[in-house]
């Protein structure tokens, strides 16, 4: 009778551990051609060809009849999810690194007062940081040019 533990150990030694291919190299270098669609999608497209209007009408009818799934489907298509909205917020001007504290204080105050959401406050903070980096880079460039010309800043 063969010892199953030895067979199992032998099988494990012959199989490669971890990922069998080097990173970025697959077993099929040619791969699927770009734009190639799988059979299921092609068949579904052929079946639905010319039926879009009838299917849409049916979905609307079901939604109007109170079907919650159809209603959600229709509403999702009518009104796209909100990705962002214009925010009215008077942020103090930032003309240098010294203005950073005032601008960030205004952002924090607006978030605390509920004028803007915490996510919007974080986005404003990133804008302020980018502005300060741009100002500092411009200032550094100006000072470097003055030093190269032999002037003290």
N, C-alpha and C. Protein backbone atom coordinates (compact mmCIF):
# COMPACT_ATOMS: atom_id res chain seq x y z
N UNK A 1 0.84 -1.18 0.00
CA UNK A 1 0.00 0.00 0.00
C UNK A 1 0.89 1.24 0.00
N UNK A 2 0.65 2.22 -0.93
CA UNK A 2 1.52 3.39 -0.99
C UNK A 2 1.25 4.35 0.17
N UNK A 3 2.29 5.02 0.58
CA UNK A 3 2.17 6.00 1.66
C UNK A 3 1.70 7.32 1.05
N UNK A 4 0.45 7.73 1.40
CA UNK A 4 -0.14 8.93 0.81
C UNK A 4 0.57 10.21 1.21
N UNK A 5 1.19 10.22 2.37
CA UNK A 5 1.91 11.43 2.79
C UNK A 5 3.12 11.66 1.89
N UNK A 6 3.78 10.58 1.46
CA UNK A 6 4.93 10.73 0.56
C UNK A 6 4.50 11.21 -0.81
N UNK A 7 3.36 10.70 -1.30
CA UNK A 7 2.85 11.13 -2.61
C UNK A 7 2.52 12.62 -2.57
N UNK A 8 1.90 13.03 -1.49
CA UNK A 8 1.52 14.43 -1.35
C UNK A 8 2.78 15.30 -1.33
N UNK A 9 3.82 14.88 -0.61
CA UNK A 9 5.05 15.65 -0.54
C UNK A 9 5.73 15.73 -1.90
N UNK A 10 5.72 14.63 -2.66
CA UNK A 10 6.33 14.63 -3.98
C UNK A 10 5.60 15.59 -4.92
N UNK A 11 4.25 15.61 -4.86
CA UNK A 11 3.47 16.52 -5.69
C UNK A 11 3.79 17.97 -5.37
N UNK A 12 3.97 18.26 -4.10
CA UNK A 12 4.24 19.63 -3.70
C UNK A 12 5.62 20.08 -4.16
N UNK A 13 6.56 19.18 -4.25
CA UNK A 13 7.90 19.57 -4.68
C UNK A 13 7.94 19.91 -6.17
N UNK A 14 7.08 19.29 -6.98
CA UNK A 14 7.13 19.52 -8.42
C UNK A 14 6.37 20.78 -8.83
N UNK A 15 5.39 21.19 -8.04
CA UNK A 15 4.62 22.40 -8.39
C UNK A 15 5.38 23.64 -7.95
N UNK A 16 5.39 24.69 -8.79
CA UNK A 16 6.07 25.92 -8.38
C UNK A 16 5.29 26.62 -7.27
N UNK A 17 6.00 27.22 -6.36
CA UNK A 17 5.36 27.93 -5.26
C UNK A 17 5.09 29.36 -5.68
N UNK A 18 4.03 29.93 -5.14
CA UNK A 18 3.71 31.32 -5.42
C UNK A 18 3.18 31.48 -6.83
N UNK A 19 3.55 32.55 -7.46
CA UNK A 19 3.08 32.84 -8.81
C UNK A 19 3.94 32.11 -9.83
N UNK A 20 3.31 31.44 -10.79
CA UNK A 20 4.09 30.64 -11.73
C UNK A 20 4.80 31.46 -12.80
N UNK A 21 4.41 32.71 -13.00
CA UNK A 21 5.03 33.53 -14.04
C UNK A 21 5.71 34.74 -13.42
N UNK A 22 6.73 35.21 -14.09
CA UNK A 22 7.41 36.42 -13.64
C UNK A 22 6.47 37.60 -13.79
N UNK A 23 6.66 38.61 -12.96
CA UNK A 23 5.80 39.78 -13.00
C UNK A 23 5.86 40.44 -14.37
N UNK A 24 4.68 40.68 -14.95
CA UNK A 24 4.59 41.32 -16.26
C UNK A 24 4.71 40.36 -17.42
N UNK A 25 4.93 39.08 -17.14
CA UNK A 25 5.05 38.08 -18.20
C UNK A 25 3.98 37.03 -17.96
N UNK A 26 3.10 36.84 -18.93
CA UNK A 26 2.04 35.86 -18.76
C UNK A 26 2.37 34.59 -19.53
N UNK A 27 1.56 33.57 -19.35
CA UNK A 27 1.73 32.33 -20.07
C UNK A 27 1.28 32.45 -21.52
N UNK A 28 0.58 33.54 -21.83
CA UNK A 28 0.11 33.78 -23.19
C UNK A 28 0.54 35.19 -23.60
N UNK A 29 1.76 35.33 -24.10
CA UNK A 29 2.28 36.67 -24.40
C UNK A 29 1.46 37.43 -25.42
N UNK A 30 0.84 36.74 -26.36
CA UNK A 30 0.02 37.45 -27.34
C UNK A 30 -1.26 37.95 -26.68
N UNK A 31 -1.84 37.16 -25.80
CA UNK A 31 -3.03 37.57 -25.06
C UNK A 31 -4.23 37.76 -25.97
N UNK A 32 -5.29 38.22 -25.39
CA UNK A 32 -6.50 38.50 -26.16
C UNK A 32 -6.29 39.80 -26.92
N UNK A 33 -6.67 39.85 -28.19
CA UNK A 33 -6.48 41.09 -28.95
C UNK A 33 -7.31 42.23 -28.36
N UNK A 34 -6.80 43.45 -28.47
CA UNK A 34 -7.52 44.62 -27.97
C UNK A 34 -8.87 44.73 -28.66
N UNK A 35 -9.89 45.08 -27.88
CA UNK A 35 -11.22 45.27 -28.43
C UNK A 35 -11.99 43.98 -28.65
N UNK A 36 -11.38 42.85 -28.41
CA UNK A 36 -12.04 41.56 -28.59
C UNK A 36 -13.03 41.37 -27.46
N UNK A 37 -14.26 41.04 -27.80
CA UNK A 37 -15.29 40.84 -26.78
C UNK A 37 -15.56 39.36 -26.65
N UNK A 38 -15.90 38.94 -25.46
CA UNK A 38 -16.16 37.52 -25.25
C UNK A 38 -17.49 37.12 -25.88
N UNK A 39 -17.70 35.83 -26.01
CA UNK A 39 -18.87 35.30 -26.71
C UNK A 39 -20.18 35.71 -26.05
N UNK A 40 -20.22 35.72 -24.73
CA UNK A 40 -21.46 36.04 -24.02
C UNK A 40 -21.92 37.45 -24.37
N UNK A 41 -21.00 38.40 -24.35
CA UNK A 41 -21.37 39.79 -24.66
C UNK A 41 -21.81 39.93 -26.12
N UNK A 42 -21.13 39.23 -27.02
CA UNK A 42 -21.53 39.32 -28.43
C UNK A 42 -22.92 38.73 -28.64
N UNK A 43 -23.21 37.60 -28.00
CA UNK A 43 -24.53 36.98 -28.14
C UNK A 43 -25.61 37.86 -27.53
N UNK A 44 -25.34 38.42 -26.36
CA UNK A 44 -26.32 39.30 -25.71
C UNK A 44 -26.58 40.53 -26.58
N UNK A 45 -25.54 41.06 -27.18
CA UNK A 45 -25.70 42.22 -28.06
C UNK A 45 -26.56 41.87 -29.27
N UNK A 46 -26.36 40.70 -29.83
CA UNK A 46 -27.17 40.27 -30.97
C UNK A 46 -28.63 40.07 -30.57
N UNK A 47 -28.86 39.49 -29.40
CA UNK A 47 -30.23 39.27 -28.93
C UNK A 47 -30.97 40.58 -28.65
N UNK A 48 -30.26 41.55 -28.12
CA UNK A 48 -30.89 42.82 -27.75
C UNK A 48 -30.98 43.81 -28.90
N UNK A 49 -30.31 43.51 -30.00
CA UNK A 49 -30.29 44.43 -31.13
C UNK A 49 -31.72 44.71 -31.60
N UNK A 50 -32.09 45.98 -31.65
CA UNK A 50 -33.41 46.37 -32.11
C UNK A 50 -34.47 46.32 -31.04
N UNK A 51 -34.13 45.85 -29.84
CA UNK A 51 -35.13 45.72 -28.77
C UNK A 51 -34.95 46.76 -27.67
N UNK A 52 -34.02 47.66 -27.82
CA UNK A 52 -33.73 48.63 -26.77
C UNK A 52 -34.95 49.48 -26.44
N UNK A 53 -35.65 49.93 -27.44
CA UNK A 53 -36.81 50.79 -27.20
C UNK A 53 -37.91 50.04 -26.45
N UNK A 54 -38.19 48.80 -26.86
CA UNK A 54 -39.24 48.02 -26.21
C UNK A 54 -38.86 47.69 -24.76
N UNK A 55 -37.58 47.35 -24.54
CA UNK A 55 -37.14 47.04 -23.19
C UNK A 55 -37.19 48.28 -22.29
N UNK A 56 -36.80 49.41 -22.83
CA UNK A 56 -36.86 50.65 -22.06
C UNK A 56 -38.30 50.98 -21.70
N UNK A 57 -39.21 50.85 -22.65
CA UNK A 57 -40.62 51.12 -22.41
C UNK A 57 -41.15 50.20 -21.30
N UNK A 58 -40.79 48.92 -21.34
CA UNK A 58 -41.24 47.95 -20.34
C UNK A 58 -40.70 48.32 -18.96
N UNK A 59 -39.43 48.72 -18.89
CA UNK A 59 -38.84 49.11 -17.61
C UNK A 59 -39.57 50.32 -17.04
N UNK A 60 -39.91 51.28 -17.88
CA UNK A 60 -40.64 52.46 -17.44
C UNK A 60 -42.03 52.06 -16.95
N UNK A 61 -42.70 51.19 -17.67
CA UNK A 61 -44.03 50.74 -17.27
C UNK A 61 -43.98 50.03 -15.92
N UNK A 62 -42.99 49.16 -15.73
CA UNK A 62 -42.84 48.47 -14.45
C UNK A 62 -42.55 49.45 -13.32
N UNK A 63 -41.71 50.44 -13.60
CA UNK A 63 -41.38 51.45 -12.59
C UNK A 63 -42.63 52.23 -12.21
N UNK A 64 -43.43 52.62 -13.20
CA UNK A 64 -44.67 53.36 -12.93
C UNK A 64 -45.68 52.51 -12.19
N UNK A 65 -45.62 51.19 -12.36
CA UNK A 65 -46.53 50.28 -11.67
C UNK A 65 -46.08 50.02 -10.23
N UNK A 66 -44.89 50.51 -9.87
CA UNK A 66 -44.42 50.38 -8.49
C UNK A 66 -43.34 49.35 -8.26
N UNK A 67 -42.80 48.76 -9.30
CA UNK A 67 -41.72 47.79 -9.15
C UNK A 67 -40.47 48.53 -8.67
N UNK A 68 -39.98 48.24 -7.44
CA UNK A 68 -38.86 49.02 -6.90
C UNK A 68 -37.56 48.83 -7.68
N UNK A 69 -37.32 47.65 -8.21
CA UNK A 69 -36.08 47.42 -8.96
C UNK A 69 -36.10 48.23 -10.26
N UNK A 70 -37.24 48.18 -10.95
CA UNK A 70 -37.36 48.93 -12.20
C UNK A 70 -37.31 50.43 -11.92
N UNK A 71 -37.91 50.86 -10.82
CA UNK A 71 -37.89 52.28 -10.46
C UNK A 71 -36.47 52.75 -10.20
N UNK A 72 -35.72 51.94 -9.46
CA UNK A 72 -34.32 52.31 -9.19
C UNK A 72 -33.50 52.36 -10.48
N UNK A 73 -33.72 51.38 -11.35
CA UNK A 73 -33.02 51.34 -12.64
C UNK A 73 -33.30 52.61 -13.44
N UNK A 74 -34.57 52.98 -13.52
CA UNK A 74 -34.94 54.17 -14.29
C UNK A 74 -34.37 55.44 -13.67
N UNK A 75 -34.48 55.56 -12.36
CA UNK A 75 -33.96 56.77 -11.70
C UNK A 75 -32.45 56.87 -11.81
N UNK A 76 -31.76 55.73 -11.75
CA UNK A 76 -30.30 55.75 -11.91
C UNK A 76 -29.90 56.23 -13.29
N UNK A 77 -30.71 55.95 -14.29
CA UNK A 77 -30.40 56.37 -15.65
C UNK A 77 -30.78 57.82 -15.90
N UNK A 78 -31.84 58.28 -15.22
CA UNK A 78 -32.31 59.66 -15.42
C UNK A 78 -31.39 60.65 -14.74
N UNK A 79 -31.11 60.41 -13.47
CA UNK A 79 -30.27 61.32 -12.68
C UNK A 79 -28.99 60.59 -12.31
N UNK A 80 -27.91 61.00 -12.91
CA UNK A 80 -26.62 60.39 -12.63
C UNK A 80 -26.21 60.71 -11.19
N UNK A 81 -25.41 59.86 -10.58
CA UNK A 81 -24.97 60.15 -9.21
C UNK A 81 -24.18 61.44 -9.15
N UNK A 82 -24.39 62.19 -8.07
CA UNK A 82 -23.69 63.48 -7.93
C UNK A 82 -22.23 63.23 -7.60
N UNK A 83 -21.37 63.81 -8.38
CA UNK A 83 -19.94 63.65 -8.16
C UNK A 83 -19.36 64.86 -7.43
N UNK A 84 -20.02 65.94 -7.53
CA UNK A 84 -19.54 67.16 -6.88
C UNK A 84 -20.53 68.26 -7.14
N UNK A 85 -20.47 69.27 -6.33
CA UNK A 85 -21.39 70.38 -6.52
C UNK A 85 -20.61 71.67 -6.33
N UNK A 86 -21.11 72.74 -6.94
CA UNK A 86 -20.44 74.02 -6.72
C UNK A 86 -20.61 74.43 -5.25
N UNK A 87 -19.58 74.94 -4.67
CA UNK A 87 -19.61 75.35 -3.27
C UNK A 87 -19.36 76.84 -3.20
N UNK A 88 -20.28 77.53 -2.54
CA UNK A 88 -20.09 78.97 -2.32
C UNK A 88 -19.39 79.14 -0.97
N UNK A 89 -18.15 79.57 -1.06
CA UNK A 89 -17.34 79.71 0.15
C UNK A 89 -16.33 80.81 -0.10
N UNK A 90 -16.33 81.80 0.74
CA UNK A 90 -15.41 82.93 0.60
C UNK A 90 -14.13 82.61 1.36
N UNK A 91 -13.14 82.15 0.63
CA UNK A 91 -11.86 81.83 1.25
C UNK A 91 -10.95 83.05 1.12
N UNK A 92 -10.27 83.42 2.20
CA UNK A 92 -9.36 84.56 2.11
C UNK A 92 -8.27 84.31 1.07
N UNK A 93 -7.80 85.35 0.41
CA UNK A 93 -6.76 85.17 -0.61
C UNK A 93 -5.47 84.63 0.00
N UNK A 94 -4.81 83.78 -0.76
CA UNK A 94 -3.53 83.21 -0.33
C UNK A 94 -2.47 83.71 -1.30
N UNK A 95 -1.62 84.62 -0.80
CA UNK A 95 -0.57 85.16 -1.66
C UNK A 95 0.81 84.75 -1.17
N UNK A 96 0.87 84.04 -0.08
CA UNK A 96 2.14 83.57 0.44
C UNK A 96 1.93 82.56 1.53
N UNK A 97 3.03 81.99 2.01
CA UNK A 97 2.95 80.97 3.05
C UNK A 97 2.37 81.55 4.34
N UNK A 98 2.52 82.85 4.55
CA UNK A 98 2.00 83.49 5.76
C UNK A 98 0.48 83.49 5.78
N UNK A 99 -0.15 83.42 4.62
CA UNK A 99 -1.61 83.44 4.54
C UNK A 99 -2.23 82.07 4.75
N UNK A 100 -1.40 81.04 4.89
CA UNK A 100 -1.89 79.68 5.03
C UNK A 100 -2.77 79.51 6.27
N UNK A 101 -2.35 80.07 7.40
CA UNK A 101 -3.10 79.89 8.64
C UNK A 101 -4.50 80.50 8.53
N UNK A 102 -4.61 81.69 7.94
CA UNK A 102 -5.92 82.33 7.79
C UNK A 102 -6.84 81.55 6.88
N UNK A 103 -6.30 81.04 5.78
CA UNK A 103 -7.11 80.28 4.83
C UNK A 103 -7.57 78.97 5.45
N UNK A 104 -6.67 78.28 6.13
CA UNK A 104 -7.04 77.01 6.76
C UNK A 104 -8.03 77.24 7.91
N UNK A 105 -7.88 78.35 8.62
CA UNK A 105 -8.83 78.68 9.68
C UNK A 105 -10.22 78.93 9.11
N UNK A 106 -10.29 79.59 7.96
CA UNK A 106 -11.59 79.85 7.32
C UNK A 106 -12.22 78.54 6.86
N UNK A 107 -11.41 77.63 6.33
CA UNK A 107 -11.92 76.34 5.88
C UNK A 107 -12.45 75.54 7.08
N UNK A 108 -11.67 75.50 8.16
CA UNK A 108 -12.11 74.77 9.35
C UNK A 108 -13.36 75.38 9.95
N UNK A 109 -13.45 76.71 9.96
CA UNK A 109 -14.63 77.39 10.50
C UNK A 109 -15.87 77.10 9.67
N UNK A 110 -15.72 77.08 8.34
CA UNK A 110 -16.86 76.79 7.47
C UNK A 110 -17.33 75.35 7.65
N UNK A 111 -16.40 74.44 7.83
CA UNK A 111 -16.77 73.04 8.06
C UNK A 111 -17.47 72.89 9.41
N UNK A 112 -16.96 73.59 10.43
CA UNK A 112 -17.56 73.50 11.76
C UNK A 112 -18.97 74.11 11.77
N UNK A 113 -19.19 75.15 10.96
CA UNK A 113 -20.50 75.81 10.91
C UNK A 113 -21.48 75.05 10.01
N UNK A 114 -20.98 74.03 9.30
CA UNK A 114 -21.86 73.25 8.42
C UNK A 114 -22.07 73.88 7.06
N UNK A 115 -21.29 74.91 6.74
CA UNK A 115 -21.41 75.55 5.43
C UNK A 115 -20.86 74.65 4.32
N UNK A 116 -19.84 73.88 4.65
CA UNK A 116 -19.26 72.91 3.72
C UNK A 116 -19.11 71.59 4.45
N UNK A 117 -19.05 70.50 3.69
CA UNK A 117 -18.89 69.18 4.30
C UNK A 117 -17.43 68.94 4.66
N UNK A 118 -17.15 67.98 5.53
CA UNK A 118 -15.76 67.66 5.84
C UNK A 118 -14.96 67.26 4.59
N UNK A 119 -15.60 66.55 3.66
CA UNK A 119 -14.90 66.16 2.43
C UNK A 119 -14.55 67.40 1.60
N UNK A 120 -15.47 68.34 1.54
CA UNK A 120 -15.19 69.59 0.80
C UNK A 120 -14.09 70.38 1.50
N UNK A 121 -14.08 70.37 2.84
CA UNK A 121 -13.02 71.05 3.59
C UNK A 121 -11.67 70.43 3.27
N UNK A 122 -11.62 69.10 3.17
CA UNK A 122 -10.36 68.43 2.84
C UNK A 122 -9.90 68.81 1.44
N UNK A 123 -10.85 68.94 0.50
CA UNK A 123 -10.48 69.35 -0.85
C UNK A 123 -9.96 70.79 -0.86
N UNK A 124 -10.62 71.68 -0.10
CA UNK A 124 -10.12 73.06 -0.01
C UNK A 124 -8.73 73.08 0.60
N UNK A 125 -8.48 72.25 1.59
CA UNK A 125 -7.16 72.20 2.22
C UNK A 125 -6.10 71.77 1.21
N UNK A 126 -6.44 70.81 0.35
CA UNK A 126 -5.48 70.39 -0.68
C UNK A 126 -5.22 71.53 -1.67
N UNK A 127 -6.25 72.29 -2.00
CA UNK A 127 -6.06 73.43 -2.90
C UNK A 127 -5.13 74.45 -2.27
N UNK A 128 -5.36 74.75 -0.98
CA UNK A 128 -4.51 75.72 -0.28
C UNK A 128 -3.07 75.23 -0.25
N UNK A 129 -2.87 73.94 0.04
CA UNK A 129 -1.52 73.39 0.07
C UNK A 129 -0.84 73.50 -1.29
N UNK A 130 -1.58 73.24 -2.36
CA UNK A 130 -1.01 73.35 -3.71
C UNK A 130 -0.65 74.80 -4.02
N UNK A 131 -1.48 75.72 -3.58
CA UNK A 131 -1.19 77.13 -3.82
C UNK A 131 0.07 77.56 -3.08
N UNK A 132 0.21 77.12 -1.85
CA UNK A 132 1.39 77.47 -1.06
C UNK A 132 2.64 76.87 -1.68
N UNK A 133 2.57 75.62 -2.13
CA UNK A 133 3.73 75.01 -2.79
C UNK A 133 4.12 75.79 -4.04
N UNK A 134 3.13 76.22 -4.80
CA UNK A 134 3.42 77.00 -6.02
C UNK A 134 4.07 78.33 -5.66
N UNK A 135 3.56 78.98 -4.63
CA UNK A 135 4.13 80.27 -4.21
C UNK A 135 5.56 80.08 -3.71
N UNK A 136 5.78 79.03 -2.90
CA UNK A 136 7.12 78.77 -2.38
C UNK A 136 8.10 78.44 -3.50
N UNK A 137 7.65 77.70 -4.49
CA UNK A 137 8.52 77.35 -5.61
C UNK A 137 8.87 78.59 -6.41
N UNK A 138 7.90 79.45 -6.64
CA UNK A 138 8.16 80.70 -7.37
C UNK A 138 9.12 81.58 -6.59
N UNK A 139 8.91 81.67 -5.27
CA UNK A 139 9.78 82.48 -4.43
C UNK A 139 11.20 81.92 -4.41
N UNK A 140 11.31 80.59 -4.32
CA UNK A 140 12.63 79.96 -4.33
C UNK A 140 13.35 80.24 -5.65
N UNK A 141 12.62 80.14 -6.77
CA UNK A 141 13.20 80.40 -8.08
C UNK A 141 13.68 81.85 -8.18
N UNK A 142 12.88 82.78 -7.69
CA UNK A 142 13.25 84.20 -7.73
C UNK A 142 14.51 84.45 -6.91
N UNK A 143 14.56 83.87 -5.70
CA UNK A 143 15.72 84.07 -4.84
C UNK A 143 16.98 83.44 -5.44
N UNK A 144 16.84 82.29 -6.06
CA UNK A 144 17.97 81.62 -6.69
C UNK A 144 18.52 82.46 -7.84
N UNK A 145 17.65 83.03 -8.65
CA UNK A 145 18.10 83.88 -9.76
C UNK A 145 18.84 85.11 -9.25
N UNK A 146 18.34 85.70 -8.16
CA UNK A 146 19.02 86.86 -7.58
C UNK A 146 20.40 86.49 -7.06
N UNK A 147 20.51 85.32 -6.44
CA UNK A 147 21.82 84.87 -5.96
C UNK A 147 22.79 84.61 -7.10
N UNK A 148 22.28 84.06 -8.19
CA UNK A 148 23.14 83.80 -9.35
C UNK A 148 23.62 85.09 -9.97
N UNK A 149 22.84 86.14 -9.87
CA UNK A 149 23.25 87.45 -10.40
C UNK A 149 24.18 88.18 -9.45
N UNK A 150 24.36 87.64 -8.25
CA UNK A 150 25.29 88.24 -7.30
C UNK A 150 24.61 89.17 -6.31
N UNK A 151 23.30 89.17 -6.24
CA UNK A 151 22.58 90.02 -5.30
C UNK A 151 22.17 89.18 -4.12
N UNK A 152 22.04 89.84 -3.00
CA UNK A 152 21.47 89.21 -1.81
C UNK A 152 19.97 89.44 -1.84
N UNK A 153 19.17 88.43 -1.47
CA UNK A 153 17.70 88.60 -1.48
C UNK A 153 17.20 89.59 -0.49
